[in-house]
Structures are given as C-alpha cells and as structure tokens.
Amino acid sequence: MPAKPVLWITRTLSANTFARARQSYEVVFDEHDEPADSETIIRRSAEVDACIPCHSEHFSADVVAKLNPRLKIIANHSVGVDHCDLDALKAAGIVVTNTPDVLSDATAEIAMLLLLGAARRAAEGDSMVRSGAWTSWSPSFMVGHQVTGKRIGIVGMGKVGQVMARRARGFDMQVHYHNRKRLAAEEEAGAVFHDSLDSLLDVSEYLSLHCPATDTTRGLLDAEAIAKLPDGAIVVNTARGALVDEQALLEAIKVGKLAAVGLDCFVTEPGGNPAFAAHPNIFMLPHIGSATFDTRDAMGYRALDNLDAYFAGDAPGDKLV
C-alpha cells in the first residue's frame, strides 16, 4: 500500500476535520496552536507534501523562495489569500486553494450583528447592565439609530455581500452596491448598482465592506471616502482590516461624522486597535465572522476536498494557482 501523503495542519481545526484528515493523510500538527513563523514554514516544507494553513501563516515571496520542493499544495483554510504571494507560489509550482462559499452565511450573520449592535448601542447597553450602572430610565435613555427602511451600501457583491443583501432586505433596507462588475438581474434582486465607489458612498446611511484586500482596495475607506458618506453614517467591516484607514475612522468617530462603527477585523490581529476602546460607539468583535461549528467543519472539509482532488490527479475545485 502506498504511503499516505504527509499533511501539515498549522492550527487547531475542527475535530471532524482532523478525523477526516487522518483517514487519508499522515497528519503533522503542533499542539501549541500558535501562528507558524517563516522559519517554521520553511523547515516544515521539507517534511510534508501538503499544508493546510490559516490566514495567520504568511507565504511571502521571501518565504516561498526558500520552500522545499517537496511541498506541492497549500490548501488554505480561508477565503482570503492576501497572506499568500500568489505570483511567487505559481512560479514555484505550488498549487494554492481556498475555501469560498461555505462561510458566506456565517460572515453575513456577524455583519448584521455588528450593524445592529453599532446602530442600537449594544456594547454600551451590555456593559451598563453587567456593571450594575443601569439605575434609571427615561424616553431619552439609550436612543440609537433605526435600521429598518434605511439605505445600505455594500462594497463587494460576492457571495458574502449577496447574503448580506438578503439579510438587509429582511429589515426592509434599500440595498445599493458597488462591485467590479454588475451582477445579473436575478442576483441583483432589485439592488441598485453603482459603477463608482463615490456614488455608493453618497447614498450609504449604512456601509458594509465585503471585498478582498488587494493592492487596489487597501485603505479604500480613508478620510476622503468617509467624507463622502452622509453625516451620521454607520460603517461595518467584516472583510479585512487593511481596507480601512483606522486613524481616519477614529477621527470620524471623534467629530461625529460617523455615528457608530462595527468591526470584526483590524489592521493588527490579534489585538485590534487599542485607541478604539475609548469609544463606546465602536462595536468590536475579535474576527469571528466564520466562527460557527457548522462553518468550521465546512471550511475544513472544503480544504480537504481540494487536497483529495490534487492527490487523485485532478484539478482542485478551488485552485487559485
């Protein structure tokens, strides 16, 4: 019987993912569950045939140049691949895959949670009750911003953006979007397309970011873009922290240009931006958009599907390079 391919899983995935992986692969796993640094990635590449990394492992051009040719495929446990230098990996002959589609519902749920939480002052209210500071009430107490019937602008109408649009319609929100190309009418489902970001910003009482971080989108929401939003707009980001100029966002909160913000991702992760903590109208979560039991299984299985296809001699369904 031929030896099983050796698979390095860099982080703690779901128990079901590990169980399935061990059926077909010799699994290498470091129980300390910390991000693998460049030296570890390079060293492991000489010991394994495949790798399932997360967004925490960075395959820069410098790292790729030092990888052992034994490593043939990187099956990312993520949709985003901005931690991978795809050009360098392609030149090295290493196949790269990701896990699209399966986390769209979970991520859109968190986006809607952030939108509602930011609008209705959830962090403030929770803290008040927990601390025992809720001692009075009046009609002016904890007044927030209504969501129902308002305009939402969605930047990036891929799978997650489309699910977010459906969730927003459940609150009778008017959906507007900006995308690299206009969707087909059946996918658009009545949403209003804007061929420029500026046009979308002008009408977005709520703005939700769902695009990848690329050379053209990093810093997309900067001071100039925020200035184009209606006064008192609310911004939600469940995509990538690099999309946002955090200092500009902070200034907009301080001066009241933005009424509130909901963030699940930050420029620095883990940790976030300590300066945000002083502002109760910045509602924050620790990058848990896809963190449901169902989705973690689905992501692990999708990565393994790609590996199974590769080692069977087929092209993985989610092959990027």
C-alpha atoms as a PDB file:
ATOM      1  CA  MET A   1       0.000   0.000   0.000  1.00  0.00           C
ATOM      2  CA  PRO A   2       1.483   3.399  -0.948  1.00  0.00           C
ATOM      3  CA  ALA A   3       2.361   5.713   1.908  1.00  0.00           C
ATOM      4  CA  LYS A   4      -0.139   8.406   2.743  1.00  0.00           C
ATOM      5  CA  PRO A   5       0.822  11.962   1.804  1.00  0.00           C
ATOM      6  CA  VAL A   6       2.118  13.938   4.761  1.00  0.00           C
ATOM      7  CA  LEU A   7      -0.119  16.870   5.622  1.00  0.00           C
ATOM      8  CA  TRP A   8       0.841  19.711   7.937  1.00  0.00           C
ATOM      9  CA  ILE A   9      -2.144  21.390   9.635  1.00  0.00           C
ATOM     10  CA  THR A  10      -0.823  24.597  11.151  1.00  0.00           C
ATOM     11  CA  ARG A  11      -3.634  25.477  13.587  1.00  0.00           C
ATOM     12  CA  THR A  12      -6.350  23.732  15.604  1.00  0.00           C
ATOM     13  CA  LEU A  13      -9.157  22.977  13.151  1.00  0.00           C
ATOM     14  CA  SER A  14     -12.446  21.295  13.982  1.00  0.00           C
ATOM     15  CA  ALA A  15     -12.351  17.799  15.465  1.00  0.00           C
ATOM     16  CA  ASN A  16     -14.311  16.485  12.488  1.00  0.00           C
ATOM     17  CA  THR A  17     -11.747  17.967  10.097  1.00  0.00           C
ATOM     18  CA  PHE A  18      -8.884  16.256  11.938  1.00  0.00           C
ATOM     19  CA  ALA A  19     -10.752  12.943  11.980  1.00  0.00           C
ATOM     20  CA  ARG A  20     -11.331  13.037   8.243  1.00  0.00           C
ATOM     21  CA  ALA A  21      -7.784  14.216   7.505  1.00  0.00           C
ATOM     22  CA  ARG A  22      -6.251  11.303   9.388  1.00  0.00           C
ATOM     23  CA  GLN A  23      -8.141   8.832   7.217  1.00  0.00           C
ATOM     24  CA  SER A  24      -6.208   9.844   4.092  1.00  0.00           C
ATOM     25  CA  TYR A  25      -3.080  11.634   5.327  1.00  0.00           C
ATOM     26  CA  GLU A  26      -0.249  11.381   7.792  1.00  0.00           C
ATOM     27  CA  VAL A  27      -1.098  14.464   9.800  1.00  0.00           C
ATOM     28  CA  VAL A  28       1.562  16.687  11.338  1.00  0.00           C
ATOM     29  CA  PHE A  29       0.203  19.122  13.919  1.00  0.00           C
ATOM     30  CA  ASP A  30       1.759  21.343  16.572  1.00  0.00           C
ATOM     31  CA  GLU A  31      -0.495  21.286  19.619  1.00  0.00           C
ATOM     32  CA  HIS A  32       0.555  24.718  20.897  1.00  0.00           C
ATOM     33  CA  ASP A  33      -1.739  26.246  18.226  1.00  0.00           C
ATOM     34  CA  GLU A  34       0.311  29.367  17.524  1.00  0.00           C
ATOM     35  CA  PRO A  35       0.917  31.028  14.134  1.00  0.00           C
ATOM     36  CA  ALA A  36       3.812  29.423  12.292  1.00  0.00           C
ATOM     37  CA  ASP A  37       6.647  31.851  11.650  1.00  0.00           C
ATOM     38  CA  SER A  38       8.726  31.965   8.481  1.00  0.00           C
ATOM     39  CA  GLU A  39      11.424  29.654   9.824  1.00  0.00           C
ATOM     40  CA  THR A  40       8.866  27.030  10.808  1.00  0.00           C
ATOM     41  CA  ILE A  41       7.123  27.202   7.433  1.00  0.00           C
ATOM     42  CA  ILE A  42      10.412  26.774   5.603  1.00  0.00           C
ATOM     43  CA  ARG A  43      11.513  23.900   7.842  1.00  0.00           C
ATOM     44  CA  ARG A  44       8.188  22.086   7.589  1.00  0.00           C
ATOM     45  CA  SER A  45       8.196  22.357   3.797  1.00  0.00           C
ATOM     46  CA  ALA A  46      10.978  19.761   3.677  1.00  0.00           C
ATOM     47  CA  GLU A  47       8.933  17.336   5.793  1.00  0.00           C
ATOM     48  CA  VAL A  48       5.466  17.456   4.230  1.00  0.00           C
ATOM     49  CA  ASP A  49       3.698  17.102   0.898  1.00  0.00           C
ATOM     50  CA  ALA A  50       0.832  19.450   1.660  1.00  0.00           C
ATOM     51  CA  CYS A  51      -0.201  22.137   4.087  1.00  0.00           C
ATOM     52  CA  ILE A  52      -3.493  23.497   5.421  1.00  0.00           C
ATOM     53  CA  PRO A  53      -2.584  26.931   6.775  1.00  0.00           C
ATOM     54  CA  CYS A  54      -4.775  29.727   8.042  1.00  0.00           C
ATOM     55  CA  HIS A  55      -4.590  33.437   7.445  1.00  0.00           C
ATOM     56  CA  SER A  56      -2.016  33.592  10.252  1.00  0.00           C
ATOM     57  CA  GLU A  57       0.694  31.909   8.143  1.00  0.00           C
ATOM     58  CA  HIS A  58       2.386  34.207   5.645  1.00  0.00           C
ATOM     59  CA  PHE A  59       3.798  32.904   2.377  1.00  0.00           C
ATOM     60  CA  SER A  60       5.684  35.970   1.220  1.00  0.00           C
ATOM     61  CA  ALA A  61       7.963  35.909  -1.814  1.00  0.00           C
ATOM     62  CA  ASP A  62      10.984  35.618   0.505  1.00  0.00           C
ATOM     63  CA  VAL A  63       9.481  32.597   2.254  1.00  0.00           C
ATOM     64  CA  VAL A  64       8.381  30.950  -0.989  1.00  0.00           C
ATOM     65  CA  ALA A  65      11.900  31.285  -2.398  1.00  0.00           C
ATOM     66  CA  LYS A  66      13.157  29.082   0.446  1.00  0.00           C
ATOM     67  CA  LEU A  67      10.447  26.418   0.411  1.00  0.00           C
ATOM     68  CA  ASN A  68      11.493  22.849  -0.199  1.00  0.00           C
ATOM     69  CA  PRO A  69      10.170  21.432  -3.496  1.00  0.00           C
ATOM     70  CA  ARG A  70       8.583  18.566  -1.555  1.00  0.00           C
ATOM     71  CA  LEU A  71       5.689  20.889  -0.642  1.00  0.00           C
ATOM     72  CA  LYS A  72       3.260  20.698  -3.564  1.00  0.00           C
ATOM     73  CA  ILE A  73      -0.009  22.258  -2.412  1.00  0.00           C
ATOM     74  CA  ILE A  74      -1.197  24.887   0.062  1.00  0.00           C
ATOM     75  CA  ALA A  75      -4.886  24.320   0.800  1.00  0.00           C
ATOM     76  CA  ASN A  76      -5.864  27.435   2.708  1.00  0.00           C
ATOM     77  CA  HIS A  77      -8.421  27.239   5.500  1.00  0.00           C
ATOM     78  CA  SER A  78      -9.754  30.657   4.464  1.00  0.00           C
ATOM     79  CA  VAL A  79     -11.342  32.517   1.590  1.00  0.00           C
ATOM     80  CA  GLY A  80      -8.881  35.384   1.610  1.00  0.00           C
ATOM     81  CA  VAL A  81      -5.416  34.700   0.255  1.00  0.00           C
ATOM     82  CA  ASP A  82      -3.761  38.057   0.890  1.00  0.00           C
ATOM     83  CA  HIS A  83      -1.299  36.191   3.143  1.00  0.00           C
ATOM     84  CA  CYS A  84      -0.012  34.345   0.058  1.00  0.00           C
ATOM     85  CA  ASP A  85       2.164  35.754  -2.706  1.00  0.00           C
ATOM     86  CA  LEU A  86       0.299  34.007  -5.498  1.00  0.00           C
ATOM     87  CA  ASP A  87       2.765  35.011  -8.209  1.00  0.00           C
ATOM     88  CA  ALA A  88       5.707  33.616  -6.253  1.00  0.00           C
ATOM     89  CA  LEU A  89       3.844  30.395  -5.447  1.00  0.00           C
ATOM     90  CA  LYS A  90       2.831  29.939  -9.073  1.00  0.00           C
ATOM     91  CA  ALA A  91       6.430  30.400 -10.178  1.00  0.00           C
ATOM     92  CA  ALA A  92       7.462  27.789  -7.621  1.00  0.00           C
ATOM     93  CA  GLY A  93       4.904  25.317  -8.998  1.00  0.00           C
ATOM     94  CA  ILE A  94       2.924  25.170  -5.759  1.00  0.00           C
ATOM     95  CA  VAL A  95      -0.832  24.817  -6.064  1.00  0.00           C
ATOM     96  CA  VAL A  96      -2.895  27.171  -3.880  1.00  0.00           C
ATOM     97  CA  THR A  97      -6.560  26.706  -2.997  1.00  0.00           C
ATOM     98  CA  ASN A  98      -9.047  28.426  -0.704  1.00  0.00           C
ATOM     99  CA  THR A  99     -12.500  27.778   0.781  1.00  0.00           C
ATOM    100  CA  PRO A 100     -15.063  30.037  -0.909  1.00  0.00           C
ATOM    101  CA  ASP A 101     -18.838  29.958  -0.470  1.00  0.00           C
ATOM    102  CA  VAL A 102     -19.030  27.884   2.720  1.00  0.00           C
ATOM    103  CA  LEU A 103     -18.590  30.762   5.160  1.00  0.00           C
ATOM    104  CA  SER A 104     -20.872  33.289   3.483  1.00  0.00           C
ATOM    105  CA  ASP A 105     -23.850  32.777   5.794  1.00  0.00           C
ATOM    106  CA  ALA A 106     -21.830  32.882   8.999  1.00  0.00           C
ATOM    107  CA  THR A 107     -19.917  36.000   7.979  1.00  0.00           C
ATOM    108  CA  ALA A 108     -23.079  37.805   6.893  1.00  0.00           C
ATOM    109  CA  GLU A 109     -24.640  36.938  10.255  1.00  0.00           C
ATOM    110  CA  ILE A 110     -21.770  38.666  12.037  1.00  0.00           C
ATOM    111  CA  ALA A 111     -22.018  41.643   9.675  1.00  0.00           C
ATOM    112  CA  MET A 112     -25.680  42.027  10.552  1.00  0.00           C
ATOM    113  CA  LEU A 113     -24.897  41.584  14.253  1.00  0.00           C
ATOM    114  CA  LEU A 114     -22.322  44.383  14.014  1.00  0.00           C
ATOM    115  CA  LEU A 115     -24.701  46.591  12.061  1.00  0.00           C
ATOM    116  CA  LEU A 116     -27.484  46.167  14.599  1.00  0.00           C
ATOM    117  CA  GLY A 117     -25.132  46.312  17.567  1.00  0.00           C
ATOM    118  CA  ALA A 118     -23.492  49.520  16.380  1.00  0.00           C
ATOM    119  CA  ALA A 119     -26.813  51.149  15.487  1.00  0.00           C
ATOM    120  CA  ARG A 120     -28.592  50.213  18.723  1.00  0.00           C
ATOM    121  CA  ARG A 121     -25.654  50.733  21.103  1.00  0.00           C
ATOM    122  CA  ALA A 122     -25.391  47.094  22.114  1.00  0.00           C
ATOM    123  CA  ALA A 123     -21.911  47.304  23.650  1.00  0.00           C
ATOM    124  CA  GLU A 124     -22.941  50.239  25.843  1.00  0.00           C
ATOM    125  CA  GLY A 125     -26.133  48.560  26.952  1.00  0.00           C
ATOM    126  CA  ASP A 126     -24.489  45.246  27.764  1.00  0.00           C
ATOM    127  CA  SER A 127     -21.752  46.961  29.772  1.00  0.00           C
ATOM    128  CA  MET A 128     -24.299  49.048  31.657  1.00  0.00           C
ATOM    129  CA  VAL A 129     -26.357  46.053  32.759  1.00  0.00           C
ATOM    130  CA  ARG A 130     -23.334  43.901  33.645  1.00  0.00           C
ATOM    131  CA  SER A 131     -21.697  46.621  35.712  1.00  0.00           C
ATOM    132  CA  GLY A 132     -24.836  47.498  37.660  1.00  0.00           C
ATOM    133  CA  ALA A 133     -24.868  51.005  36.208  1.00  0.00           C
ATOM    134  CA  TRP A 134     -28.428  50.689  34.885  1.00  0.00           C
ATOM    135  CA  THR A 135     -30.234  52.615  37.593  1.00  0.00           C
ATOM    136  CA  SER A 136     -32.751  54.773  35.730  1.00  0.00           C
ATOM    137  CA  TRP A 137     -34.804  55.143  32.576  1.00  0.00           C
ATOM    138  CA  SER A 138     -36.339  57.962  30.534  1.00  0.00           C
ATOM    139  CA  PRO A 139     -37.541  58.420  26.943  1.00  0.00           C
ATOM    140  CA  SER A 140     -34.119  59.864  26.107  1.00  0.00           C
ATOM    141  CA  PHE A 141     -32.259  56.855  27.530  1.00  0.00           C
ATOM    142  CA  MET A 142     -30.000  54.835  25.166  1.00  0.00           C
ATOM    143  CA  VAL A 143     -31.562  56.188  21.979  1.00  0.00           C
ATOM    144  CA  GLY A 144     -29.963  54.629  18.914  1.00  0.00           C
ATOM    145  CA  HIS A 145     -30.364  54.554  15.170  1.00  0.00           C
ATOM    146  CA  GLN A 146     -33.111  52.669  13.363  1.00  0.00           C
ATOM    147  CA  VAL A 147     -32.128  50.114  10.733  1.00  0.00           C
ATOM    148  CA  THR A 148     -35.472  49.291   9.154  1.00  0.00           C
ATOM    149  CA  GLY A 149     -36.061  51.062   5.868  1.00  0.00           C
ATOM    150  CA  LYS A 150     -32.628  52.699   5.681  1.00  0.00           C
ATOM    151  CA  ARG A 151     -30.161  52.585   2.771  1.00  0.00           C
ATOM    152  CA  ILE A 152     -27.261  50.164   2.968  1.00  0.00           C
ATOM    153  CA  GLY A 153     -24.274  50.332   0.656  1.00  0.00           C
ATOM    154  CA  ILE A 154     -22.393  47.090   0.100  1.00  0.00           C
ATOM    155  CA  VAL A 155     -18.831  47.220  -1.196  1.00  0.00           C
ATOM    156  CA  GLY A 156     -18.081  43.891  -2.869  1.00  0.00           C
ATOM    157  CA  MET A 157     -21.093  41.891  -4.023  1.00  0.00           C
ATOM    158  CA  GLY A 158     -19.535  38.454  -3.975  1.00  0.00           C
ATOM    159  CA  LYS A 159     -21.025  35.538  -2.053  1.00  0.00           C
ATOM    160  CA  VAL A 160     -20.877  37.212   1.368  1.00  0.00           C
ATOM    161  CA  GLY A 161     -22.091  40.542   0.002  1.00  0.00           C
ATOM    162  CA  GLN A 162     -25.063  38.873  -1.657  1.00  0.00           C
ATOM    163  CA  VAL A 163     -26.034  37.072   1.551  1.00  0.00           C
ATOM    164  CA  MET A 164     -25.688  40.341   3.455  1.00  0.00           C
ATOM    165  CA  ALA A 165     -28.011  41.974   0.926  1.00  0.00           C
ATOM    166  CA  ARG A 166     -30.616  39.277   1.559  1.00  0.00           C
ATOM    167  CA  ARG A 167     -30.328  39.750   5.322  1.00  0.00           C
ATOM    168  CA  ALA A 168     -30.645  43.519   4.922  1.00  0.00           C
ATOM    169  CA  ARG A 169     -33.794  43.111   2.833  1.00  0.00           C
ATOM    170  CA  GLY A 170     -35.261  41.254   5.814  1.00  0.00           C
ATOM    171  CA  PHE A 171     -35.097  44.608   7.593  1.00  0.00           C
ATOM    172  CA  ASP A 172     -36.651  46.348   4.581  1.00  0.00           C
ATOM    173  CA  MET A 173     -33.357  48.104   3.872  1.00  0.00           C
ATOM    174  CA  GLN A 174     -32.789  49.618   0.441  1.00  0.00           C
ATOM    175  CA  VAL A 175     -29.758  47.796  -0.969  1.00  0.00           C
ATOM    176  CA  HIS A 176     -27.151  49.625  -3.049  1.00  0.00           C
ATOM    177  CA  TYR A 177     -23.826  48.135  -4.091  1.00  0.00           C
ATOM    178  CA  HIS A 178     -20.523  48.708  -5.828  1.00  0.00           C
ATOM    179  CA  ASN A 179     -18.719  45.803  -7.461  1.00  0.00           C
ATOM    180  CA  ARG A 180     -16.084  45.279 -10.129  1.00  0.00           C
ATOM    181  CA  LYS A 181     -18.898  44.347 -12.470  1.00  0.00           C
ATOM    182  CA  ARG A 182     -22.639  44.500 -12.311  1.00  0.00           C
ATOM    183  CA  LEU A 183     -24.468  41.359 -11.250  1.00  0.00           C
ATOM    184  CA  ALA A 184     -27.046  39.602 -13.378  1.00  0.00           C
ATOM    185  CA  ALA A 185     -30.578  40.787 -12.691  1.00  0.00           C
ATOM    186  CA  GLU A 186     -31.532  37.629 -10.799  1.00  0.00           C
ATOM    187  CA  GLU A 187     -28.520  38.009  -8.496  1.00  0.00           C
ATOM    188  CA  GLU A 188     -29.091  41.727  -8.098  1.00  0.00           C
ATOM    189  CA  ALA A 189     -32.630  41.106  -6.832  1.00  0.00           C
ATOM    190  CA  GLY A 190     -33.533  44.761  -7.096  1.00  0.00           C
ATOM    191  CA  ALA A 191     -30.336  46.154  -5.591  1.00  0.00           C
ATOM    192  CA  VAL A 192     -29.096  49.414  -7.112  1.00  0.00           C
ATOM    193  CA  PHE A 193     -25.703  49.151  -8.847  1.00  0.00           C
ATOM    194  CA  HIS A 194     -23.155  51.969  -8.575  1.00  0.00           C
ATOM    195  CA  ASP A 195     -20.308  51.899 -11.056  1.00  0.00           C
ATOM    196  CA  SER A 196     -18.172  54.064  -8.787  1.00  0.00           C
ATOM    197  CA  LEU A 197     -17.417  53.868  -5.080  1.00  0.00           C
ATOM    198  CA  ASP A 198     -18.006  57.602  -4.699  1.00  0.00           C
ATOM    199  CA  SER A 199     -21.558  57.262  -5.991  1.00  0.00           C
ATOM    200  CA  LEU A 200     -22.249  54.479  -3.489  1.00  0.00           C
ATOM    201  CA  LEU A 201     -20.774  56.418  -0.576  1.00  0.00           C
ATOM    202  CA  ASP A 202     -23.039  59.386  -1.266  1.00  0.00           C
ATOM    203  CA  VAL A 203     -26.195  57.357  -0.511  1.00  0.00           C
ATOM    204  CA  SER A 204     -24.965  54.902   2.143  1.00  0.00           C
ATOM    205  CA  GLU A 205     -26.576  55.536   5.504  1.00  0.00           C
ATOM    206  CA  TYR A 206     -25.036  52.184   6.401  1.00  0.00           C
ATOM    207  CA  LEU A 207     -21.895  50.937   4.664  1.00  0.00           C
ATOM    208  CA  SER A 208     -20.796  47.288   4.824  1.00  0.00           C
ATOM    209  CA  LEU A 209     -17.424  46.150   3.450  1.00  0.00           C
ATOM    210  CA  HIS A 210     -17.210  42.715   1.806  1.00  0.00           C
ATOM    211  CA  CYS A 211     -14.349  42.969  -0.690  1.00  0.00           C
ATOM    212  CA  PRO A 212     -10.910  41.321  -0.506  1.00  0.00           C
ATOM    213  CA  ALA A 213      -7.791  43.233   0.486  1.00  0.00           C
ATOM    214  CA  THR A 214      -5.769  43.790  -2.683  1.00  0.00           C
ATOM    215  CA  ASP A 215      -3.348  46.405  -3.953  1.00  0.00           C
ATOM    216  CA  THR A 216      -6.324  48.408  -5.232  1.00  0.00           C
ATOM    217  CA  THR A 217      -8.552  48.115  -2.134  1.00  0.00           C
ATOM    218  CA  ARG A 218      -6.116  48.590   0.755  1.00  0.00           C
ATOM    219  CA  GLY A 219      -7.030  51.799   2.554  1.00  0.00           C
ATOM    220  CA  LEU A 220     -10.212  52.040   0.496  1.00  0.00           C
ATOM    221  CA  LEU A 221     -12.091  53.668   3.381  1.00  0.00           C
ATOM    222  CA  ASP A 222      -9.818  56.628   4.070  1.00  0.00           C
ATOM    223  CA  ALA A 223     -10.591  60.181   5.203  1.00  0.00           C
ATOM    224  CA  GLU A 224     -11.604  61.234   1.700  1.00  0.00           C
ATOM    225  CA  ALA A 225     -14.014  58.319   1.319  1.00  0.00           C
ATOM    226  CA  ILE A 226     -15.513  58.804   4.790  1.00  0.00           C
ATOM    227  CA  ALA A 227     -16.146  62.468   3.996  1.00  0.00           C
ATOM    228  CA  LYS A 228     -18.396  61.384   1.106  1.00  0.00           C
ATOM    229  CA  LEU A 229     -20.700  59.381   3.403  1.00  0.00           C
ATOM    230  CA  PRO A 230     -23.845  61.039   4.766  1.00  0.00           C
ATOM    231  CA  ASP A 231     -23.348  62.656   8.162  1.00  0.00           C
ATOM    232  CA  GLY A 232     -24.145  60.144  10.884  1.00  0.00           C
ATOM    233  CA  ALA A 233     -23.474  57.088   8.710  1.00  0.00           C
ATOM    234  CA  ILE A 234     -22.622  53.736  10.263  1.00  0.00           C
ATOM    235  CA  VAL A 235     -19.772  51.589   8.909  1.00  0.00           C
ATOM    236  CA  VAL A 236     -19.379  47.809   9.231  1.00  0.00           C
ATOM    237  CA  ASN A 237     -16.293  45.804   8.271  1.00  0.00           C
ATOM    238  CA  THR A 238     -16.214  42.001   8.305  1.00  0.00           C
ATOM    239  CA  ALA A 239     -13.791  41.638   5.393  1.00  0.00           C
ATOM    240  CA  ARG A 240     -10.191  42.703   6.085  1.00  0.00           C
ATOM    241  CA  GLY A 241      -8.762  45.339   8.397  1.00  0.00           C
ATOM    242  CA  ALA A 242      -6.478  46.595   5.652  1.00  0.00           C
ATOM    243  CA  LEU A 243      -9.487  48.061   3.834  1.00  0.00           C
ATOM    244  CA  VAL A 244      -9.795  50.798   6.447  1.00  0.00           C
ATOM    245  CA  ASP A 245      -7.590  53.745   7.398  1.00  0.00           C
ATOM    246  CA  GLU A 246      -8.066  53.282  11.129  1.00  0.00           C
ATOM    247  CA  GLN A 247      -6.851  56.754  12.087  1.00  0.00           C
ATOM    248  CA  ALA A 248      -9.301  58.335   9.667  1.00  0.00           C
ATOM    249  CA  LEU A 249     -12.073  56.146  11.083  1.00  0.00           C
ATOM    250  CA  LEU A 250     -11.179  57.205  14.615  1.00  0.00           C
ATOM    251  CA  GLU A 251     -11.202  60.887  13.692  1.00  0.00           C
ATOM    252  CA  ALA A 252     -14.605  60.499  12.041  1.00  0.00           C
ATOM    253  CA  ILE A 253     -15.986  58.982  15.248  1.00  0.00           C
ATOM    254  CA  LYS A 254     -14.468  61.736  17.386  1.00  0.00           C
ATOM    255  CA  VAL A 255     -16.023  64.557  15.363  1.00  0.00           C
ATOM    256  CA  GLY A 256     -19.363  62.797  14.886  1.00  0.00           C
ATOM    257  CA  LYS A 257     -19.100  62.335  11.135  1.00  0.00           C
ATOM    258  CA  LEU A 258     -19.796  58.655  11.775  1.00  0.00           C
ATOM    259  CA  ALA A 259     -22.487  57.792  14.301  1.00  0.00           C
ATOM    260  CA  ALA A 260     -21.097  54.342  15.008  1.00  0.00           C
ATOM    261  CA  VAL A 261     -18.870  51.611  13.655  1.00  0.00           C
ATOM    262  CA  GLY A 262     -18.992  47.802  13.810  1.00  0.00           C
ATOM    263  CA  LEU A 263     -15.701  45.954  13.298  1.00  0.00           C
ATOM    264  CA  ASP A 264     -14.777  42.283  13.165  1.00  0.00           C
ATOM    265  CA  CYS A 265     -11.331  42.831  11.643  1.00  0.00           C
ATOM    266  CA  PHE A 266      -8.432  45.178  12.199  1.00  0.00           C
ATOM    267  CA  VAL A 267      -5.106  46.189  10.711  1.00  0.00           C
ATOM    268  CA  THR A 268      -3.344  44.486  13.629  1.00  0.00           C
ATOM    269  CA  GLU A 269      -4.569  40.998  14.520  1.00  0.00           C
ATOM    270  CA  PRO A 270      -4.786  39.684  17.102  1.00  0.00           C
ATOM    271  CA  GLY A 271      -5.123  42.668  19.379  1.00  0.00           C
ATOM    272  CA  GLY A 272      -7.032  45.201  17.321  1.00  0.00           C
ATOM    273  CA  ASN A 273      -6.602  48.944  17.796  1.00  0.00           C
ATOM    274  CA  PRO A 274      -6.412  49.976  21.493  1.00  0.00           C
ATOM    275  CA  ALA A 275      -7.460  53.531  20.616  1.00  0.00           C
ATOM    276  CA  PHE A 276     -10.917  52.270  19.630  1.00  0.00           C
ATOM    277  CA  ALA A 277     -11.688  51.049  23.154  1.00  0.00           C
ATOM    278  CA  ALA A 278     -12.311  54.587  24.443  1.00  0.00           C
ATOM    279  CA  HIS A 279     -15.290  54.976  22.123  1.00  0.00           C
ATOM    280  CA  PRO A 280     -18.423  53.029  23.120  1.00  0.00           C
ATOM    281  CA  ASN A 281     -19.953  53.641  19.686  1.00  0.00           C
ATOM    282  CA  ILE A 282     -17.272  51.419  18.134  1.00  0.00           C
ATOM    283  CA  PHE A 283     -18.716  47.912  18.497  1.00  0.00           C
ATOM    284  CA  MET A 284     -15.982  45.301  18.129  1.00  0.00           C
ATOM    285  CA  LEU A 285     -15.593  41.542  17.796  1.00  0.00           C
ATOM    286  CA  PRO A 286     -12.317  39.535  17.566  1.00  0.00           C
ATOM    287  CA  HIS A 287     -12.514  38.422  13.908  1.00  0.00           C
ATOM    288  CA  ILE A 288     -15.093  35.679  14.424  1.00  0.00           C
ATOM    289  CA  GLY A 289     -17.066  36.100  11.202  1.00  0.00           C
ATOM    290  CA  SER A 290     -16.846  32.452  10.198  1.00  0.00           C
ATOM    291  CA  ALA A 291     -16.653  31.018  13.715  1.00  0.00           C
ATOM    292  CA  THR A 292     -19.577  28.617  13.887  1.00  0.00           C
ATOM    293  CA  PHE A 293     -19.318  24.874  14.367  1.00  0.00           C
ATOM    294  CA  ASP A 294     -21.066  24.243  11.048  1.00  0.00           C
ATOM    295  CA  THR A 295     -18.818  26.608   9.124  1.00  0.00           C
ATOM    296  CA  ARG A 296     -15.567  25.419  10.670  1.00  0.00           C
ATOM    297  CA  ASP A 297     -16.428  21.857   9.595  1.00  0.00           C
ATOM    298  CA  ALA A 298     -17.388  23.079   6.124  1.00  0.00           C
ATOM    299  CA  MET A 299     -14.142  25.043   5.717  1.00  0.00           C
ATOM    300  CA  GLY A 300     -12.033  22.090   6.830  1.00  0.00           C
ATOM    301  CA  TYR A 301     -13.876  19.727   4.530  1.00  0.00           C
ATOM    302  CA  ARG A 302     -13.511  22.128   1.601  1.00  0.00           C
ATOM    303  CA  ALA A 303      -9.742  22.305   2.152  1.00  0.00           C
ATOM    304  CA  LEU A 304      -9.595  18.504   2.306  1.00  0.00           C
ATOM    305  CA  ASP A 305     -11.727  18.207  -0.845  1.00  0.00           C
ATOM    306  CA  ASN A 306      -9.115  20.280  -2.636  1.00  0.00           C
ATOM    307  CA  LEU A 307      -6.292  18.119  -1.300  1.00  0.00           C
ATOM    308  CA  ASP A 308      -8.109  14.908  -2.191  1.00  0.00           C
ATOM    309  CA  ALA A 309      -8.618  16.123  -5.753  1.00  0.00           C
ATOM    310  CA  TYR A 310      -4.964  17.121  -6.098  1.00  0.00           C
ATOM    311  CA  PHE A 311      -3.584  13.819  -4.841  1.00  0.00           C
ATOM    312  CA  ALA A 312      -6.054  11.919  -7.038  1.00  0.00           C
ATOM    313  CA  GLY A 313      -4.567  13.684 -10.035  1.00  0.00           C
ATOM    314  CA  ASP A 314      -7.495  16.032 -10.595  1.00  0.00           C
ATOM    315  CA  ALA A 315      -7.608  19.812 -10.552  1.00  0.00           C
ATOM    316  CA  PRO A 316      -8.912  21.064  -7.188  1.00  0.00           C
ATOM    317  CA  GLY A 317     -12.215  22.850  -7.492  1.00  0.00           C
ATOM    318  CA  ASP A 318     -10.897  25.926  -5.711  1.00  0.00           C
ATOM    319  CA  LYS A 319      -7.480  26.119  -7.384  1.00  0.00           C
ATOM    320  CA  LEU A 320      -6.047  29.633  -7.486  1.00  0.00           C
ATOM    321  CA  VAL A 321      -2.597  28.971  -8.970  1.00  0.00           C
END
